[in-house]
Amino acid sequence: MKRFSIVLGFTALVACFALIGRNEARADEACGEKGQPTCPLQGWMETNMQGPMDKKDLKAVAAALEKAAKFVPNPKWNEGPTGWEKLAADGAAAAKKGDFAATNASCKSCHKAWRNQYKKEFRKNPVK
């Protein structure tokens, strides 16, 4: 019985730490606003783009932008001069050249073109 109590206590402790450490929203809960867990793409971008941008690690940013180009949630969003994939590819190319300003401008262009619509329609979609 004592062994069971120890195992049960340890399991409960692990479960609590898992819940406390969780920082990404489940599909059925609110996310992305102050005091809420991060949304899937938001969390991915904070880790894979914002962190490297803050460190001026353009090699990591280029790799992240190449991945992000594939995250387009709606194929129609790839059409035209502000297409999701084009903006991400432009940013990746600038990052590979070491052009921080152009990389940052590409990120801002993508956010301007797609952030609000993405939040409305696809905010809780998992990043694949």
C-alpha atoms as a PDB file:
ATOM      1  CA  MET A   1       0.000   0.000   0.000  1.00  0.00           C
ATOM      2  CA  LYS A   2       2.844   2.380   0.799  1.00  0.00           C
ATOM      3  CA  ARG A   3       4.361   1.795  -2.653  1.00  0.00           C
ATOM      4  CA  PHE A   4       0.990   2.584  -4.300  1.00  0.00           C
ATOM      5  CA  SER A   5       0.751   5.866  -2.382  1.00  0.00           C
ATOM      6  CA  ILE A   6       4.246   6.881  -3.479  1.00  0.00           C
ATOM      7  CA  VAL A   7       3.507   6.062  -7.135  1.00  0.00           C
ATOM      8  CA  LEU A   8       0.164   7.880  -6.972  1.00  0.00           C
ATOM      9  CA  GLY A   9       1.768  10.934  -5.380  1.00  0.00           C
ATOM     10  CA  PHE A  10       4.571  10.998  -7.955  1.00  0.00           C
ATOM     11  CA  THR A  11       2.069  10.667 -10.817  1.00  0.00           C
ATOM     12  CA  ALA A  12       0.011  13.562  -9.456  1.00  0.00           C
ATOM     13  CA  LEU A  13       3.141  15.694  -9.134  1.00  0.00           C
ATOM     14  CA  VAL A  14       4.189  14.987 -12.733  1.00  0.00           C
ATOM     15  CA  ALA A  15       0.673  15.823 -13.952  1.00  0.00           C
ATOM     16  CA  CYS A  16       0.738  19.146 -12.096  1.00  0.00           C
ATOM     17  CA  PHE A  17       4.097  20.107 -13.588  1.00  0.00           C
ATOM     18  CA  ALA A  18       2.835  19.191 -17.048  1.00  0.00           C
ATOM     19  CA  LEU A  19      -0.162  21.484 -16.637  1.00  0.00           C
ATOM     20  CA  ILE A  20       1.880  24.326 -15.186  1.00  0.00           C
ATOM     21  CA  GLY A  21       4.462  24.118 -17.982  1.00  0.00           C
ATOM     22  CA  ARG A  22       1.850  24.086 -20.735  1.00  0.00           C
ATOM     23  CA  ASN A  23       2.063  27.279 -22.788  1.00  0.00           C
ATOM     24  CA  GLU A  24       0.137  26.413 -25.942  1.00  0.00           C
ATOM     25  CA  ALA A  25      -3.647  26.425 -26.107  1.00  0.00           C
ATOM     26  CA  ARG A  26      -5.784  23.395 -26.739  1.00  0.00           C
ATOM     27  CA  ALA A  27      -8.170  23.607 -29.691  1.00  0.00           C
ATOM     28  CA  ASP A  28     -11.128  24.207 -27.343  1.00  0.00           C
ATOM     29  CA  GLU A  29      -9.772  27.180 -25.387  1.00  0.00           C
ATOM     30  CA  ALA A  30      -9.030  30.840 -25.944  1.00  0.00           C
ATOM     31  CA  CYS A  31      -5.477  31.772 -26.849  1.00  0.00           C
ATOM     32  CA  GLY A  32      -3.184  34.535 -27.907  1.00  0.00           C
ATOM     33  CA  GLU A  33      -4.334  37.399 -25.729  1.00  0.00           C
ATOM     34  CA  LYS A  34      -2.751  38.664 -22.530  1.00  0.00           C
ATOM     35  CA  GLY A  35      -3.038  36.075 -19.770  1.00  0.00           C
ATOM     36  CA  GLN A  36      -3.963  33.281 -22.190  1.00  0.00           C
ATOM     37  CA  PRO A  37      -1.801  30.477 -23.566  1.00  0.00           C
ATOM     38  CA  THR A  38      -0.141  31.183 -26.894  1.00  0.00           C
ATOM     39  CA  CYS A  39      -1.867  30.015 -30.041  1.00  0.00           C
ATOM     40  CA  PRO A  40      -0.012  27.357 -32.066  1.00  0.00           C
ATOM     41  CA  LEU A  41       1.463  29.564 -34.811  1.00  0.00           C
ATOM     42  CA  GLN A  42       2.067  32.405 -32.370  1.00  0.00           C
ATOM     43  CA  GLY A  43       4.116  30.138 -30.101  1.00  0.00           C
ATOM     44  CA  TRP A  44       5.994  28.681 -33.051  1.00  0.00           C
ATOM     45  CA  MET A  45       6.862  32.133 -34.365  1.00  0.00           C
ATOM     46  CA  GLU A  46       7.968  33.408 -30.963  1.00  0.00           C
ATOM     47  CA  THR A  47      10.353  30.470 -30.628  1.00  0.00           C
ATOM     48  CA  ASN A  48      11.537  30.024 -34.203  1.00  0.00           C
ATOM     49  CA  MET A  49      11.469  33.565 -35.575  1.00  0.00           C
ATOM     50  CA  GLN A  50      11.277  36.224 -32.878  1.00  0.00           C
ATOM     51  CA  GLY A  51      13.960  34.637 -30.716  1.00  0.00           C
ATOM     52  CA  PRO A  52      16.434  34.326 -33.601  1.00  0.00           C
ATOM     53  CA  MET A  53      15.507  37.824 -34.885  1.00  0.00           C
ATOM     54  CA  ASP A  54      16.246  39.258 -31.433  1.00  0.00           C
ATOM     55  CA  LYS A  55      19.663  37.560 -31.570  1.00  0.00           C
ATOM     56  CA  LYS A  56      20.142  38.573 -35.223  1.00  0.00           C
ATOM     57  CA  ASP A  57      20.585  34.876 -36.064  1.00  0.00           C
ATOM     58  CA  LEU A  58      19.569  35.222 -39.697  1.00  0.00           C
ATOM     59  CA  LYS A  59      20.544  31.646 -40.542  1.00  0.00           C
ATOM     60  CA  ALA A  60      17.895  30.369 -38.103  1.00  0.00           C
ATOM     61  CA  VAL A  61      15.403  32.973 -39.338  1.00  0.00           C
ATOM     62  CA  ALA A  62      15.921  31.869 -42.956  1.00  0.00           C
ATOM     63  CA  ALA A  63      15.248  28.244 -42.011  1.00  0.00           C
ATOM     64  CA  ALA A  64      12.137  29.242 -40.062  1.00  0.00           C
ATOM     65  CA  LEU A  65      10.816  31.374 -42.920  1.00  0.00           C
ATOM     66  CA  GLU A  66      11.293  28.497 -45.351  1.00  0.00           C
ATOM     67  CA  LYS A  67       9.165  26.336 -43.041  1.00  0.00           C
ATOM     68  CA  ALA A  68       6.602  29.100 -42.512  1.00  0.00           C
ATOM     69  CA  ALA A  69       6.118  29.395 -46.265  1.00  0.00           C
ATOM     70  CA  LYS A  70       4.510  25.956 -46.098  1.00  0.00           C
ATOM     71  CA  PHE A  71       2.114  26.921 -43.278  1.00  0.00           C
ATOM     72  CA  VAL A  72      -0.275  28.795 -45.563  1.00  0.00           C
ATOM     73  CA  PRO A  73      -3.722  27.857 -44.247  1.00  0.00           C
ATOM     74  CA  ASN A  74      -5.565  28.674 -47.457  1.00  0.00           C
ATOM     75  CA  PRO A  75      -3.943  28.132 -50.891  1.00  0.00           C
ATOM     76  CA  LYS A  76      -5.639  31.314 -52.184  1.00  0.00           C
ATOM     77  CA  TRP A  77      -3.416  33.250 -49.773  1.00  0.00           C
ATOM     78  CA  ASN A  78      -0.453  32.456 -52.041  1.00  0.00           C
ATOM     79  CA  GLU A  79      -1.866  34.556 -54.880  1.00  0.00           C
ATOM     80  CA  GLY A  80      -0.527  37.966 -55.815  1.00  0.00           C
ATOM     81  CA  PRO A  81       2.418  40.098 -54.729  1.00  0.00           C
ATOM     82  CA  THR A  82       1.597  39.758 -51.027  1.00  0.00           C
ATOM     83  CA  GLY A  83       1.133  36.011 -51.143  1.00  0.00           C
ATOM     84  CA  TRP A  84       2.039  34.206 -47.922  1.00  0.00           C
ATOM     85  CA  GLU A  85       4.598  31.927 -49.569  1.00  0.00           C
ATOM     86  CA  LYS A  86       6.166  34.783 -51.573  1.00  0.00           C
ATOM     87  CA  LEU A  87       6.590  37.004 -48.529  1.00  0.00           C
ATOM     88  CA  ALA A  88       8.122  34.161 -46.526  1.00  0.00           C
ATOM     89  CA  ALA A  89      10.434  33.234 -49.405  1.00  0.00           C
ATOM     90  CA  ASP A  90      11.479  36.886 -49.845  1.00  0.00           C
ATOM     91  CA  GLY A  91      12.271  37.078 -46.134  1.00  0.00           C
ATOM     92  CA  ALA A  92      14.253  33.839 -46.249  1.00  0.00           C
ATOM     93  CA  ALA A  93      16.259  35.099 -49.234  1.00  0.00           C
ATOM     94  CA  ALA A  94      17.011  38.375 -47.442  1.00  0.00           C
ATOM     95  CA  ALA A  95      18.037  36.501 -44.297  1.00  0.00           C
ATOM     96  CA  LYS A  96      20.367  34.262 -46.315  1.00  0.00           C
ATOM     97  CA  LYS A  97      22.017  37.407 -47.719  1.00  0.00           C
ATOM     98  CA  GLY A  98      22.451  38.778 -44.195  1.00  0.00           C
ATOM     99  CA  ASP A  99      20.079  41.696 -44.808  1.00  0.00           C
ATOM    100  CA  PHE A 100      18.403  42.186 -41.436  1.00  0.00           C
ATOM    101  CA  ALA A 101      16.371  45.227 -42.517  1.00  0.00           C
ATOM    102  CA  ALA A 102      14.898  43.473 -45.568  1.00  0.00           C
ATOM    103  CA  THR A 103      14.173  40.350 -43.508  1.00  0.00           C
ATOM    104  CA  ASN A 104      12.368  42.439 -40.899  1.00  0.00           C
ATOM    105  CA  ALA A 105      10.452  44.315 -43.620  1.00  0.00           C
ATOM    106  CA  SER A 106       9.294  41.004 -45.092  1.00  0.00           C
ATOM    107  CA  CYS A 107       8.025  39.880 -41.691  1.00  0.00           C
ATOM    108  CA  LYS A 108       6.143  43.149 -41.234  1.00  0.00           C
ATOM    109  CA  SER A 109       4.653  42.868 -44.734  1.00  0.00           C
ATOM    110  CA  CYS A 110       3.382  39.377 -44.008  1.00  0.00           C
ATOM    111  CA  HIS A 111       1.906  40.443 -40.680  1.00  0.00           C
ATOM    112  CA  LYS A 112       0.207  43.414 -42.346  1.00  0.00           C
ATOM    113  CA  ALA A 113      -1.202  41.233 -45.127  1.00  0.00           C
ATOM    114  CA  TRP A 114      -2.278  38.168 -43.134  1.00  0.00           C
ATOM    115  CA  ARG A 115      -2.179  38.505 -39.335  1.00  0.00           C
ATOM    116  CA  ASN A 116      -5.718  39.758 -38.723  1.00  0.00           C
ATOM    117  CA  GLN A 117      -7.338  37.363 -41.172  1.00  0.00           C
ATOM    118  CA  TYR A 118      -5.291  34.451 -39.795  1.00  0.00           C
ATOM    119  CA  LYS A 119      -6.386  35.299 -36.254  1.00  0.00           C
ATOM    120  CA  LYS A 120     -10.048  35.378 -37.316  1.00  0.00           C
ATOM    121  CA  GLU A 121     -10.041  32.137 -39.291  1.00  0.00           C
ATOM    122  CA  PHE A 122      -7.152  29.900 -38.303  1.00  0.00           C
ATOM    123  CA  ARG A 123      -5.835  31.023 -34.906  1.00  0.00           C
ATOM    124  CA  LYS A 124      -6.199  27.621 -33.241  1.00  0.00           C
ATOM    125  CA  ASN A 125      -4.914  25.504 -36.140  1.00  0.00           C
ATOM    126  CA  PRO A 126      -1.944  23.345 -35.236  1.00  0.00           C
ATOM    127  CA  VAL A 127       1.390  24.097 -36.902  1.00  0.00           C
ATOM    128  CA  LYS A 128       2.382  21.228 -39.169  1.00  0.00           C
END
